[in-house]
Amino acid sequence: MHRVGPAALLGASVSLFTALMLMLLAIPLYLHSLENFEIVMSDVSSLPKVDSRRVEQVLISTDAQMTVLAARLGELQGRLTRLESIGQQVGELAGFEPEVLGFDQPVAVGGPVANDSTLELPELLSELRAYAARLDDRTVRFELLDQAVLAGQAEAQGFPSGKPTSGGLLSSAYGYRTHPISGRRQFHRGVDLAGVAGDSVETVASGVVTWSGDRNGYGNLVEVDHRNGYVTR
């Protein structure tokens, strides 16, 4: 299975969370529009019968706008379903069990918008509020996933990996060896790489510089403490 790096996971989780927040911003606007429709419908019902033409025009206009809103809500629900699927995959790649994330678990409210041109205003309002509740729930889950991936990235950055230089040869491996100075057989708790003067050297993980300068037995030395018992020199 292809291993995904912490940076890629973090980028994916941030993108998902951003998309979710943008969708969340649209909810108040849709709710406001539908609630205005309720007011309009209430006003229309109080108009005298002589205004029947005006009533018909208002009803036609309101029905058209409701149809557009219903279509947009259905589209948003589809997008959220896709985001949930991607979020589940990102979480599993980050090492979470599917049941822990729960993106595939439905929120116990509402359901999908019916593909029905006769959808009534109260039903549409109910669907939108149910969708808003689902979106709120998923936003919390995505935020927790984002924080967990970020914590995993910070931990991975502190774990030494790779080589500190593009060149260089392995001059002493980890384990027992004959000490190059004393000539005795000793356990070597590290890995030595030999290079030439002028080679660029980079740290292999994040950490704190605990020594910079000349040290007996090393010459010019930069020591970096990566925590958790890992030090590079």
Protein backbone atom coordinates (compact mmCIF):
# COMPACT_ATOMS: atom_id res chain seq x y z
CA MET A 1 0.00 0.00 0.00
CA HIS A 2 1.34 3.43 -0.92
CA ARG A 3 2.44 5.42 2.15
CA VAL A 4 1.19 9.00 2.26
CA GLY A 5 3.39 11.57 3.97
CA PRO A 6 2.17 13.76 6.86
CA ALA A 7 2.40 16.92 4.74
CA ALA A 8 0.12 15.42 2.07
CA LEU A 9 -2.36 14.28 4.71
CA LEU A 10 -2.35 17.71 6.33
CA GLY A 11 -2.92 19.40 2.96
CA ALA A 12 -5.85 17.10 2.23
CA SER A 13 -7.46 17.61 5.64
CA VAL A 14 -7.07 21.40 5.42
CA SER A 15 -8.65 21.41 1.94
CA LEU A 16 -11.58 19.31 3.17
CA PHE A 17 -12.12 21.52 6.21
CA THR A 18 -12.00 24.67 4.05
CA ALA A 19 -14.55 23.26 1.60
CA LEU A 20 -16.80 22.33 4.49
CA MET A 21 -16.61 25.83 5.98
CA LEU A 22 -17.51 27.39 2.62
CA MET A 23 -20.56 25.15 2.42
CA LEU A 24 -21.49 26.09 5.98
CA LEU A 25 -21.47 29.78 5.06
CA ALA A 26 -24.22 29.20 2.47
CA ILE A 27 -26.70 27.77 4.98
CA PRO A 28 -27.79 31.05 6.68
CA LEU A 29 -28.50 32.59 3.25
CA TYR A 30 -30.69 29.66 2.18
CA LEU A 31 -32.53 29.60 5.51
CA HIS A 32 -33.13 33.34 5.29
CA SER A 33 -34.55 32.96 1.77
CA LEU A 34 -36.89 30.16 2.77
CA GLU A 35 -38.05 31.95 5.91
CA ASN A 36 -38.79 35.00 3.75
CA PHE A 37 -40.86 32.74 1.50
CA GLU A 38 -42.87 31.72 4.56
CA ILE A 39 -43.58 35.38 5.31
CA VAL A 40 -44.53 36.04 1.69
CA MET A 41 -46.88 33.07 1.63
CA SER A 42 -48.49 34.27 4.85
CA ASP A 43 -48.97 37.74 3.38
CA VAL A 44 -50.38 36.30 0.16
CA SER A 45 -53.01 34.31 2.05
CA SER A 46 -54.29 37.53 3.60
CA LEU A 47 -54.74 39.35 0.27
CA PRO A 48 -58.33 39.97 -0.88
CA LYS A 49 -59.68 37.86 -3.70
CA VAL A 50 -59.61 40.83 -6.09
CA ASP A 51 -55.83 40.54 -6.09
CA SER A 52 -55.95 37.03 -7.51
CA ARG A 53 -53.66 37.93 -10.42
CA ARG A 54 -51.06 39.34 -8.07
CA VAL A 55 -51.39 36.28 -5.85
CA GLU A 56 -50.81 34.01 -8.85
CA GLN A 57 -47.70 35.97 -9.90
CA VAL A 58 -46.24 35.80 -6.38
CA LEU A 59 -46.93 32.08 -6.16
CA ILE A 60 -45.31 31.39 -9.55
CA SER A 61 -42.23 33.43 -8.60
CA THR A 62 -41.95 31.80 -5.18
CA ASP A 63 -42.37 28.32 -6.63
CA ALA A 64 -39.61 28.97 -9.17
CA GLN A 65 -37.23 30.20 -6.48
CA MET A 66 -38.03 27.23 -4.26
CA THR A 67 -37.26 24.89 -7.14
CA VAL A 68 -33.86 26.55 -7.60
CA LEU A 69 -33.12 26.37 -3.86
CA ALA A 70 -34.16 22.71 -3.71
CA ALA A 71 -31.82 21.91 -6.62
CA ARG A 72 -28.94 23.77 -4.96
CA LEU A 73 -29.56 22.02 -1.66
CA GLY A 74 -29.52 18.66 -3.43
CA GLU A 75 -26.21 19.62 -5.04
CA LEU A 76 -24.76 20.63 -1.65
CA GLN A 77 -25.87 17.33 -0.14
CA GLY A 78 -24.10 15.48 -2.95
CA ARG A 79 -20.92 17.47 -2.39
CA LEU A 80 -21.02 16.80 1.34
CA THR A 81 -21.43 13.08 0.71
CA ARG A 82 -18.31 13.14 -1.50
CA LEU A 83 -16.40 15.12 1.14
CA GLU A 84 -17.40 12.56 3.78
CA SER A 85 -16.08 9.77 1.57
CA ILE A 86 -12.77 11.57 1.02
CA GLY A 87 -12.54 12.42 4.73
CA GLN A 88 -13.01 8.75 5.58
CA GLN A 89 -10.17 7.80 3.22
CA VAL A 90 -7.84 10.52 4.58
CA GLY A 91 -8.57 9.40 8.13
CA GLU A 92 -7.84 5.76 7.32
CA LEU A 93 -4.55 6.73 5.62
CA ALA A 94 -3.69 8.66 8.79
CA GLY A 95 -4.21 5.46 10.78
CA PHE A 96 -7.71 5.94 12.18
CA GLU A 97 -10.22 3.10 12.37
CA PRO A 98 -13.33 3.76 10.21
CA GLU A 99 -15.69 3.56 13.19
CA VAL A 100 -13.65 6.19 15.06
CA LEU A 101 -14.13 8.79 12.32
CA GLY A 102 -17.80 8.01 11.75
CA PHE A 103 -18.07 9.91 8.45
CA ASP A 104 -20.10 7.01 7.11
CA GLN A 105 -22.55 7.25 10.02
CA PRO A 106 -25.66 9.32 9.25
CA VAL A 107 -26.74 12.14 11.53
CA ALA A 108 -30.07 11.20 13.07
CA VAL A 109 -32.04 13.97 11.38
CA GLY A 110 -33.72 14.47 8.02
CA GLY A 111 -32.79 12.78 4.78
CA PRO A 112 -31.95 13.60 1.17
CA VAL A 113 -33.97 16.19 -0.67
CA ALA A 114 -36.65 14.45 -2.67
CA ASN A 115 -36.46 14.87 -6.42
CA ASP A 116 -40.01 16.17 -6.50
CA SER A 117 -41.22 19.40 -8.07
CA THR A 118 -44.15 19.46 -5.60
CA LEU A 119 -41.90 19.77 -2.53
CA GLU A 120 -43.68 22.05 -0.08
CA LEU A 121 -42.04 24.96 1.74
CA PRO A 122 -42.21 23.36 5.24
CA GLU A 123 -40.57 20.20 3.87
CA LEU A 124 -37.81 22.20 2.19
CA LEU A 125 -37.17 24.14 5.40
CA SER A 126 -37.01 20.88 7.34
CA GLU A 127 -34.54 19.40 4.84
CA LEU A 128 -32.34 22.47 4.97
CA ARG A 129 -32.24 22.47 8.77
CA ALA A 130 -31.43 18.75 8.75
CA TYR A 131 -28.63 19.40 6.26
CA ALA A 132 -27.32 22.22 8.48
CA ALA A 133 -27.23 19.83 11.46
CA ARG A 134 -25.37 17.24 9.39
CA LEU A 135 -22.92 19.88 8.21
CA ASP A 136 -22.29 21.06 11.78
CA ASP A 137 -21.60 17.48 12.88
CA ARG A 138 -19.19 16.87 10.00
CA THR A 139 -17.43 20.19 10.62
CA VAL A 140 -16.58 19.06 14.17
CA ARG A 141 -15.33 15.70 12.89
CA PHE A 142 -13.20 17.30 10.16
CA GLU A 143 -11.74 19.74 12.69
CA LEU A 144 -10.73 16.85 14.97
CA LEU A 145 -9.22 15.01 11.99
CA ASP A 146 -7.31 18.13 10.99
CA GLN A 147 -5.90 18.51 14.52
CA ALA A 148 -4.93 14.83 14.68
CA VAL A 149 -3.15 14.96 11.31
CA LEU A 150 -1.36 18.16 12.37
CA ALA A 151 -0.19 16.48 15.59
CA GLY A 152 1.00 13.48 13.56
CA GLN A 153 2.95 15.76 11.23
CA ALA A 154 4.66 17.48 14.18
CA GLU A 155 5.61 14.08 15.61
CA ALA A 156 6.92 12.87 12.24
CA GLN A 157 9.00 16.02 11.78
CA GLY A 158 10.82 15.22 15.03
CA PHE A 159 11.70 11.67 13.92
CA PRO A 160 15.07 11.55 12.10
CA SER A 161 14.91 9.97 8.67
CA GLY A 162 16.96 10.11 5.50
CA LYS A 163 20.49 11.39 5.04
CA PRO A 164 21.78 14.81 6.16
CA THR A 165 23.78 15.15 2.95
CA SER A 166 23.21 14.22 -0.68
CA GLY A 167 26.69 12.71 -0.88
CA GLY A 168 28.77 10.97 1.75
CA LEU A 169 29.43 7.32 2.47
CA LEU A 170 28.42 5.15 5.41
CA SER A 171 31.63 4.92 7.42
CA SER A 172 30.27 3.26 10.54
CA ALA A 173 26.96 1.47 11.02
CA TYR A 174 24.85 1.06 14.15
CA GLY A 175 25.98 -1.85 16.33
CA TYR A 176 29.24 -3.43 17.45
CA ARG A 177 32.42 -2.19 15.75
CA THR A 178 36.13 -1.72 16.28
CA HIS A 179 36.54 1.81 17.62
CA PRO A 180 38.58 3.86 15.09
CA ILE A 181 40.66 5.51 17.86
CA SER A 182 40.92 3.05 20.76
CA GLY A 183 40.90 -0.07 18.60
CA ARG A 184 38.56 -1.77 21.04
CA ARG A 185 35.36 -3.58 20.13
CA GLN A 186 32.51 -1.39 21.32
CA PHE A 187 28.82 -0.88 20.67
CA HIS A 188 28.24 2.11 18.38
CA ARG A 189 24.92 3.83 19.16
CA GLY A 190 24.66 5.74 15.93
CA VAL A 191 25.37 5.89 12.21
CA ASP A 192 28.41 7.76 10.82
CA LEU A 193 28.56 9.27 7.34
CA ALA A 194 31.85 10.41 5.85
CA GLY A 195 31.94 13.35 3.46
CA VAL A 196 34.42 15.85 2.05
CA ALA A 197 35.13 19.45 3.00
CA GLY A 198 32.52 21.81 1.61
CA ASP A 199 29.63 19.30 1.55
CA SER A 200 26.34 20.90 2.58
CA VAL A 201 24.72 19.32 5.62
CA GLU A 202 21.04 19.62 6.54
CA THR A 203 19.16 18.46 9.61
CA VAL A 204 17.12 15.30 9.06
CA ALA A 205 14.32 16.35 11.43
CA SER A 206 13.09 19.34 13.43
CA GLY A 207 14.84 19.94 16.76
CA VAL A 208 16.89 22.27 18.94
CA VAL A 209 20.56 23.09 18.33
CA THR A 210 22.30 22.19 21.60
CA TRP A 211 25.90 22.67 20.44
CA SER A 212 27.63 24.61 17.69
CA GLY A 213 31.40 24.89 17.60
CA ASP A 214 34.57 22.89 18.15
CA ARG A 215 34.34 19.78 20.35
CA ASN A 216 37.08 17.40 21.39
CA GLY A 217 37.02 14.25 19.27
CA TYR A 218 34.73 15.76 16.65
CA GLY A 219 36.24 19.00 15.40
CA ASN A 220 33.62 21.47 14.19
CA LEU A 221 30.31 20.13 15.41
CA VAL A 222 26.63 21.03 15.28
CA GLU A 223 24.46 18.94 17.59
CA VAL A 224 20.66 18.84 17.21
CA ASP A 225 18.35 17.35 19.83
CA HIS A 226 15.23 15.90 18.17
CA ARG A 227 13.67 14.81 21.49
CA ASN A 228 12.51 11.27 22.31
CA GLY A 229 16.17 10.23 22.68
CA TYR A 230 17.24 11.15 19.12
CA VAL A 231 20.31 13.36 18.58
CA THR A 232 22.24 14.10 15.39
CA ARG A 233 25.80 15.46 15.27
